[in-house]
C-alpha atoms as a PDB file:
ATOM      1  CA  UNK A   1      23.123  -1.235  -9.648  1.00  0.00           C
ATOM      2  CA  UNK A   2      20.043   1.016  -9.541  1.00  0.00           C
ATOM      3  CA  UNK A   3      17.252   0.478  -7.034  1.00  0.00           C
ATOM      4  CA  UNK A   4      13.862   1.934  -7.967  1.00  0.00           C
ATOM      5  CA  UNK A   5      11.179   2.067  -5.266  1.00  0.00           C
ATOM      6  CA  UNK A   6       7.662   3.459  -5.760  1.00  0.00           C
ATOM      7  CA  UNK A   7       4.702   3.504  -3.370  1.00  0.00           C
ATOM      8  CA  UNK A   8       1.113   4.456  -4.105  1.00  0.00           C
ATOM      9  CA  UNK A   9      -1.882   5.426  -1.981  1.00  0.00           C
ATOM     10  CA  UNK A  10      -5.054   4.387  -3.744  1.00  0.00           C
ATOM     11  CA  UNK A  11      -8.516   5.896  -3.743  1.00  0.00           C
ATOM     12  CA  UNK A  12     -11.125   3.922  -1.759  1.00  0.00           C
ATOM     13  CA  UNK A  13     -12.862   3.190  -5.076  1.00  0.00           C
ATOM     14  CA  UNK A  14     -11.725   3.973  -8.622  1.00  0.00           C
ATOM     15  CA  UNK A  15     -12.468   2.698 -12.119  1.00  0.00           C
ATOM     16  CA  UNK A  16     -15.304   0.589 -10.720  1.00  0.00           C
ATOM     17  CA  UNK A  17     -13.080  -1.351  -8.310  1.00  0.00           C
ATOM     18  CA  UNK A  18     -12.378  -1.235  -4.576  1.00  0.00           C
ATOM     19  CA  UNK A  19      -8.974  -0.234  -3.191  1.00  0.00           C
ATOM     20  CA  UNK A  20      -8.141  -3.903  -2.554  1.00  0.00           C
ATOM     21  CA  UNK A  21      -9.160  -4.959  -6.075  1.00  0.00           C
ATOM     22  CA  UNK A  22      -7.108  -2.160  -7.624  1.00  0.00           C
ATOM     23  CA  UNK A  23      -4.106  -3.118  -5.492  1.00  0.00           C
ATOM     24  CA  UNK A  24      -4.311  -6.665  -6.869  1.00  0.00           C
ATOM     25  CA  UNK A  25      -4.707  -5.350 -10.435  1.00  0.00           C
ATOM     26  CA  UNK A  26      -1.649  -3.119 -10.004  1.00  0.00           C
ATOM     27  CA  UNK A  27       0.412  -5.989  -8.584  1.00  0.00           C
ATOM     28  CA  UNK A  28      -0.552  -8.284 -11.464  1.00  0.00           C
ATOM     29  CA  UNK A  29       0.185  -5.606 -14.063  1.00  0.00           C
ATOM     30  CA  UNK A  30       3.610  -4.759 -12.628  1.00  0.00           C
ATOM     31  CA  UNK A  31       4.628  -8.392 -12.195  1.00  0.00           C
ATOM     32  CA  UNK A  32       3.679  -9.018 -15.830  1.00  0.00           C
ATOM     33  CA  UNK A  33       6.257  -6.466 -16.958  1.00  0.00           C
ATOM     34  CA  UNK A  34       9.122  -8.658 -15.764  1.00  0.00           C
ATOM     35  CA  UNK A  35       8.661 -11.065 -18.672  1.00  0.00           C
ATOM     36  CA  UNK A  36       8.352  -8.261 -21.263  1.00  0.00           C
ATOM     37  CA  UNK A  37      11.004  -5.719 -20.236  1.00  0.00           C
ATOM     38  CA  UNK A  38      14.403  -7.386 -20.211  1.00  0.00           C
ATOM     39  CA  UNK A  39      16.070  -4.459 -18.418  1.00  0.00           C
ATOM     40  CA  UNK A  40      14.265  -5.372 -15.178  1.00  0.00           C
ATOM     41  CA  UNK A  41      16.820  -7.297 -13.146  1.00  0.00           C
ATOM     42  CA  UNK A  42      14.517  -7.862 -10.151  1.00  0.00           C
ATOM     43  CA  UNK A  43      10.952  -6.826  -9.383  1.00  0.00           C
ATOM     44  CA  UNK A  44       8.803  -7.315  -6.271  1.00  0.00           C
ATOM     45  CA  UNK A  45       5.366  -5.851  -5.540  1.00  0.00           C
ATOM     46  CA  UNK A  46       3.811  -5.776  -2.080  1.00  0.00           C
ATOM     47  CA  UNK A  47       0.276  -4.964  -0.973  1.00  0.00           C
ATOM     48  CA  UNK A  48       0.025  -3.264   2.409  1.00  0.00           C
ATOM     49  CA  UNK A  49      -1.770  -4.887   5.357  1.00  0.00           C
ATOM     50  CA  UNK A  50      -0.980  -2.133   7.897  1.00  0.00           C
ATOM     51  CA  UNK A  51      -4.175  -0.157   8.740  1.00  0.00           C
ATOM     52  CA  UNK A  52      -2.252   3.047   9.592  1.00  0.00           C
ATOM     53  CA  UNK A  53      -3.411   6.199   7.783  1.00  0.00           C
ATOM     54  CA  UNK A  54       0.278   6.904   7.103  1.00  0.00           C
ATOM     55  CA  UNK A  55       0.729   3.623   5.210  1.00  0.00           C
ATOM     56  CA  UNK A  56       0.778   3.393   1.430  1.00  0.00           C
ATOM     57  CA  UNK A  57      -1.281   0.691  -0.301  1.00  0.00           C
ATOM     58  CA  UNK A  58       1.112  -0.772  -2.882  1.00  0.00           C
ATOM     59  CA  UNK A  59       4.912  -0.806  -3.049  1.00  0.00           C
ATOM     60  CA  UNK A  60       7.188  -1.620  -5.968  1.00  0.00           C
ATOM     61  CA  UNK A  61      10.817  -2.581  -5.404  1.00  0.00           C
ATOM     62  CA  UNK A  62      12.868  -3.100  -8.548  1.00  0.00           C
ATOM     63  CA  UNK A  63      16.494  -3.303  -9.617  1.00  0.00           C
ATOM     64  CA  UNK A  64      18.263  -2.344 -12.833  1.00  0.00           C
ATOM     65  CA  UNK A  65      21.874  -2.698 -13.935  1.00  0.00           C
ATOM     66  CA  UNK A  66      22.320   1.018 -14.578  1.00  0.00           C
ATOM     67  CA  UNK A  67      20.554   4.331 -15.150  1.00  0.00           C
ATOM     68  CA  UNK A  68      20.214   3.630 -18.857  1.00  0.00           C
ATOM     69  CA  UNK A  69      18.257   0.419 -18.164  1.00  0.00           C
ATOM     70  CA  UNK A  70      15.987   2.318 -15.763  1.00  0.00           C
ATOM     71  CA  UNK A  71      15.360   4.921 -18.470  1.00  0.00           C
ATOM     72  CA  UNK A  72      14.544   2.223 -21.036  1.00  0.00           C
ATOM     73  CA  UNK A  73      12.054   0.715 -18.546  1.00  0.00           C
ATOM     74  CA  UNK A  74      10.490   4.144 -17.918  1.00  0.00           C
ATOM     75  CA  UNK A  75       9.939   4.663 -21.645  1.00  0.00           C
ATOM     76  CA  UNK A  76       8.848   1.123 -22.514  1.00  0.00           C
ATOM     77  CA  UNK A  77       5.312   1.127 -24.017  1.00  0.00           C
ATOM     78  CA  UNK A  78       4.047  -1.341 -21.410  1.00  0.00           C
ATOM     79  CA  UNK A  79       5.286   0.885 -18.571  1.00  0.00           C
ATOM     80  CA  UNK A  80       3.853   4.027 -20.203  1.00  0.00           C
ATOM     81  CA  UNK A  81       0.469   2.278 -20.491  1.00  0.00           C
ATOM     82  CA  UNK A  82       0.682   1.273 -16.814  1.00  0.00           C
ATOM     83  CA  UNK A  83       1.393   4.867 -15.745  1.00  0.00           C
ATOM     84  CA  UNK A  84      -1.662   6.049 -17.660  1.00  0.00           C
ATOM     85  CA  UNK A  85      -3.838   3.360 -16.028  1.00  0.00           C
ATOM     86  CA  UNK A  86      -2.691   3.995 -12.463  1.00  0.00           C
ATOM     87  CA  UNK A  87      -3.074   7.774 -12.706  1.00  0.00           C
ATOM     88  CA  UNK A  88      -6.817   7.576 -11.966  1.00  0.00           C
ATOM     89  CA  UNK A  89      -6.403   4.941  -9.227  1.00  0.00           C
ATOM     90  CA  UNK A  90      -3.968   6.753  -6.950  1.00  0.00           C
ATOM     91  CA  UNK A  91      -4.259   9.699  -4.629  1.00  0.00           C
ATOM     92  CA  UNK A  92      -0.540   9.899  -3.861  1.00  0.00           C
ATOM     93  CA  UNK A  93       2.789   8.521  -5.064  1.00  0.00           C
ATOM     94  CA  UNK A  94       6.341   8.603  -3.757  1.00  0.00           C
ATOM     95  CA  UNK A  95       9.459   7.389  -5.526  1.00  0.00           C
ATOM     96  CA  UNK A  96      13.166   7.016  -4.893  1.00  0.00           C
ATOM     97  CA  UNK A  97      15.897   5.929  -7.287  1.00  0.00           C
ATOM     98  CA  UNK A  98      19.375   5.317  -5.949  1.00  0.00           C
ATOM     99  CA  UNK A  99      22.614   3.726  -6.968  1.00  0.00           C
ATOM    100  CA  UNK A 100      24.581   1.159  -4.971  1.00  0.00           C
END
């Protein structure tokens, strides 16, 4: 099983929306992928409530059967479109992919 975790720090305002509005838009967009990309075994999106400057704003936790399924997800048109959209909303991003 592959676990794919991504976290984003968002700009205070971007694309005409506040940080909080963009966090909700990101969550909705990611959660919508579950019904369109069959390789996603599990997907959870959290919006941060911790006011620490070290905290990230949005976290994605997802699971895939294997590396091939993760690669299919990464290249899926809906995911590619999401990556293009979020590029202007985020100031930082961290990711980890690991196998269990």
